[in-house]
């Protein structure tokens, strides 16, 4: 919630308030998928992601998962698919690759926490990994 300075309306002073789901530097159209999760959404999402093997990091509001592939080419192909989707979403993962392993951490840096963008990208990542 953003508090706006008091405005005078005739003889009454009225405080205007505006709510926003936007994070730093986002336009209204960008915030459609990027806004913060409600407590209920967050609890359900965390359960669903944990069931898929994602871990909730304890040192910050982020999720993490390590993927293993048959070889480097398969791992790199997976990373390429994720990179294209991440670029399309303008939401980029933190990741590390060593031979056939890919470690991915997702968080919305502009919001300082998990958002619906992280959930959307995690679901895409799961589908991409399953198709390899």
Protein backbone atom coordinates (compact mmCIF):
# COMPACT_ATOMS: atom_id res chain seq x y z
CA UNK A 1 0.00 0.00 0.00
CA UNK A 2 1.23 3.47 -0.85
CA UNK A 3 0.10 6.42 1.27
CA UNK A 4 -0.44 9.63 -0.63
CA UNK A 5 -0.16 13.02 1.13
CA UNK A 6 -3.34 14.55 2.51
CA UNK A 7 -5.53 16.25 -0.07
CA UNK A 8 -8.01 19.02 0.66
CA UNK A 9 -11.56 18.35 -0.47
CA UNK A 10 -13.69 21.43 0.29
CA UNK A 11 -13.46 21.88 4.04
CA UNK A 12 -12.47 18.25 4.72
CA UNK A 13 -8.99 16.79 4.55
CA UNK A 14 -8.92 13.34 2.97
CA UNK A 15 -6.02 10.91 2.91
CA UNK A 16 -5.86 9.09 -0.40
CA UNK A 17 -4.45 5.59 -0.53
CA UNK A 18 -3.51 3.49 -3.51
CA UNK A 19 -2.61 -0.18 -3.49
CA UNK A 20 -0.03 -1.62 -5.84
CA UNK A 21 1.38 -5.01 -6.63
CA UNK A 22 4.25 -3.58 -8.61
CA UNK A 23 7.89 -4.10 -7.73
CA UNK A 24 10.76 -1.74 -8.45
CA UNK A 25 10.92 -0.55 -12.06
CA UNK A 26 7.90 -2.40 -13.44
CA UNK A 27 5.13 -0.98 -15.51
CA UNK A 28 1.52 -1.94 -14.90
CA UNK A 29 1.53 -4.40 -17.83
CA UNK A 30 4.68 -6.08 -16.53
CA UNK A 31 3.20 -6.49 -13.06
CA UNK A 32 0.32 -8.70 -14.25
CA UNK A 33 2.35 -11.90 -13.70
CA UNK A 34 4.95 -10.38 -11.42
CA UNK A 35 2.90 -9.31 -8.45
CA UNK A 36 3.45 -10.86 -5.09
CA UNK A 37 1.79 -14.05 -3.99
CA UNK A 38 -0.90 -13.92 -1.34
CA UNK A 39 -0.18 -15.93 1.81
CA UNK A 40 -2.59 -18.63 0.67
CA UNK A 41 -1.13 -18.76 -2.85
CA UNK A 42 2.38 -18.83 -1.45
CA UNK A 43 1.67 -21.75 0.90
CA UNK A 44 0.14 -23.80 -1.92
CA UNK A 45 2.91 -22.92 -4.38
CA UNK A 46 5.65 -23.88 -1.93
CA UNK A 47 3.96 -27.26 -1.32
CA UNK A 48 3.58 -27.88 -5.06
CA UNK A 49 7.17 -26.89 -5.81
CA UNK A 50 8.54 -29.01 -2.96
CA UNK A 51 6.58 -31.97 -4.34
CA UNK A 52 8.39 -31.41 -7.66
CA UNK A 53 11.78 -31.42 -5.90
CA UNK A 54 12.38 -27.68 -5.44
CA UNK A 55 13.89 -26.55 -2.15
CA UNK A 56 12.97 -23.35 -0.30
CA UNK A 57 16.20 -21.56 0.57
CA UNK A 58 16.54 -20.56 4.21
CA UNK A 59 18.88 -17.59 3.74
CA UNK A 60 16.61 -15.67 1.33
CA UNK A 61 13.21 -15.86 -0.33
CA UNK A 62 14.13 -18.12 -3.25
CA UNK A 63 13.69 -21.67 -4.53
CA UNK A 64 16.43 -24.01 -5.78
CA UNK A 65 16.67 -27.24 -7.74
CA UNK A 66 19.44 -29.30 -9.30
CA UNK A 67 18.79 -31.14 -12.56
CA UNK A 68 20.88 -34.02 -13.93
CA UNK A 69 21.02 -34.99 -17.59
CA UNK A 70 22.69 -37.75 -19.62
CA UNK A 71 25.50 -35.51 -20.83
CA UNK A 72 26.64 -31.94 -21.39
CA UNK A 73 24.77 -31.58 -24.70
CA UNK A 74 21.46 -32.47 -23.08
CA UNK A 75 22.12 -30.12 -20.15
CA UNK A 76 23.05 -27.31 -22.51
CA UNK A 77 19.98 -27.95 -24.67
CA UNK A 78 17.82 -27.69 -21.54
CA UNK A 79 19.52 -24.45 -20.55
CA UNK A 80 18.93 -23.06 -24.05
CA UNK A 81 15.21 -23.79 -23.83
CA UNK A 82 14.99 -22.18 -20.40
CA UNK A 83 17.05 -19.19 -21.58
CA UNK A 84 14.66 -18.52 -24.47
CA UNK A 85 11.64 -18.63 -22.15
CA UNK A 86 13.39 -16.52 -19.51
CA UNK A 87 14.22 -13.88 -22.11
CA UNK A 88 10.62 -13.91 -23.36
CA UNK A 89 9.42 -13.39 -19.77
CA UNK A 90 12.22 -10.92 -18.98
CA UNK A 91 12.84 -13.01 -15.88
CA UNK A 92 16.25 -14.61 -15.64
CA UNK A 93 17.34 -17.44 -13.34
CA UNK A 94 20.51 -17.70 -11.36
CA UNK A 95 22.16 -20.87 -12.54
CA UNK A 96 25.32 -22.92 -12.65
CA UNK A 97 26.28 -25.70 -15.05
CA UNK A 98 28.97 -28.34 -14.67
CA UNK A 99 28.95 -31.07 -17.34
CA UNK A 100 25.54 -32.76 -16.99
CA UNK A 101 24.33 -30.88 -13.91
CA UNK A 102 22.33 -27.63 -13.89
CA UNK A 103 21.59 -25.85 -10.63
CA UNK A 104 18.84 -23.23 -10.75
CA UNK A 105 17.78 -20.61 -8.20
CA UNK A 106 14.66 -18.54 -8.78
CA UNK A 107 13.64 -15.32 -7.06
CA UNK A 108 12.38 -11.93 -8.20
CA UNK A 109 15.27 -9.61 -7.39
CA UNK A 110 13.21 -6.50 -8.14
CA UNK A 111 10.67 -7.57 -5.50
CA UNK A 112 13.09 -9.16 -3.06
CA UNK A 113 11.01 -12.33 -2.88
CA UNK A 114 9.21 -15.06 -4.77
CA UNK A 115 6.53 -13.90 -7.17
CA UNK A 116 4.17 -15.41 -9.67
CA UNK A 117 6.91 -15.01 -12.30
CA UNK A 118 9.09 -17.45 -10.38
CA UNK A 119 6.25 -19.96 -10.20
CA UNK A 120 5.53 -19.61 -13.92
CA UNK A 121 9.20 -20.07 -14.83
CA UNK A 122 9.59 -23.03 -12.44
CA UNK A 123 6.63 -24.76 -14.12
CA UNK A 124 8.17 -24.15 -17.54
CA UNK A 125 11.53 -25.49 -16.28
CA UNK A 126 9.82 -28.67 -15.04
CA UNK A 127 8.22 -29.25 -18.46
CA UNK A 128 11.48 -28.54 -20.26
CA UNK A 129 13.40 -30.99 -18.04
CA UNK A 130 10.76 -33.69 -18.50
CA UNK A 131 10.97 -33.38 -22.29
CA UNK A 132 14.76 -33.95 -22.41
